[in-house]
């Protein structure tokens, strides 16, 4: 989650005491709000959270990044259209919060609420007991993709970004326990993931967020610093690189889809070039998902460089 919602990051860093107080207040509000959501059914919790987030979110300091990202994807969209999409994105951020709170109930009722659609090639790999690198983007009900571990009895280590607000860390970690996976903080690096894959276990990552440096790869036709670690880990370990997505079908109903593994390039001068090609294939999946439901892409941080290059021609 974001470091601050109520005040600009620059102000908090200029006045650390104010920043600490703000984080404490935000955590207390979140604690009460999430507790309240837990009193309702998944459908009602999602509706309430969407209403609140849709009302308040556009006034937060994160709305600027959301609008900037949308402008890259929809350069011809009018200001009113961008504002509408921004408002809906915050609404679905509320829905995602409710889904996290109700995750255990959703799983306990998964026969009525959650369908799984695993491609034949992905299923064949699972049947062989092969390790997988499951990759998703922050689109739709992305948190539910972790439930594939509980459905198929898989040992999965999922990478997560530690909360910038320390007061929120324990709250969200407790809720994430319903995923049924081992949670690995992103600052641990790749060594724990390499060990898991070497042991025949699987890992899960969401790799659509911005890096401050790294490999520039086109995303919606504009070069963006991109995380290629998922492809590199798959190449190194021989694991299958499988895109996975969780779609919202209707309130309280979901479809988790595991796609065909991303094919390894038949030839390439080096593993770096192969990883880039595989990541470009992942980007095509992400772009399709986001175009289908742009209002469900949780793009709360700037995705592209501040002065993005002209749209790529390839």
Foldseek 3Di string as FASTA:
>chain_A
DDLAWADDPVVCVVPVVVSLVRLVVVLVVLVVLLVVLLVDDLQVSLVVLLVVQLVCVCVTPLLVQQLVVVCLLPVPDDPVVSNVLSSLLSSLVRSLSSCLSCVLVLVVVVVPAEAEAEDPQRVVCVVVLAAEEEEEAQFANALQLLLVCVVSVAAEEEEDAAHSSVSCRVVSVVSSVSSVYHYDYVVVDCVVVLVQNQVSGYYYYYWQAADPDADFAAASQWTGHTDLVSQLSCVVRVHFYWYWDWHDPDRRHIYIYIDRTQDFDPDDPDSVVRSNVSVNVVSVVVNVSCVVPVSRHNRSHNTHPPDIDGGHPD
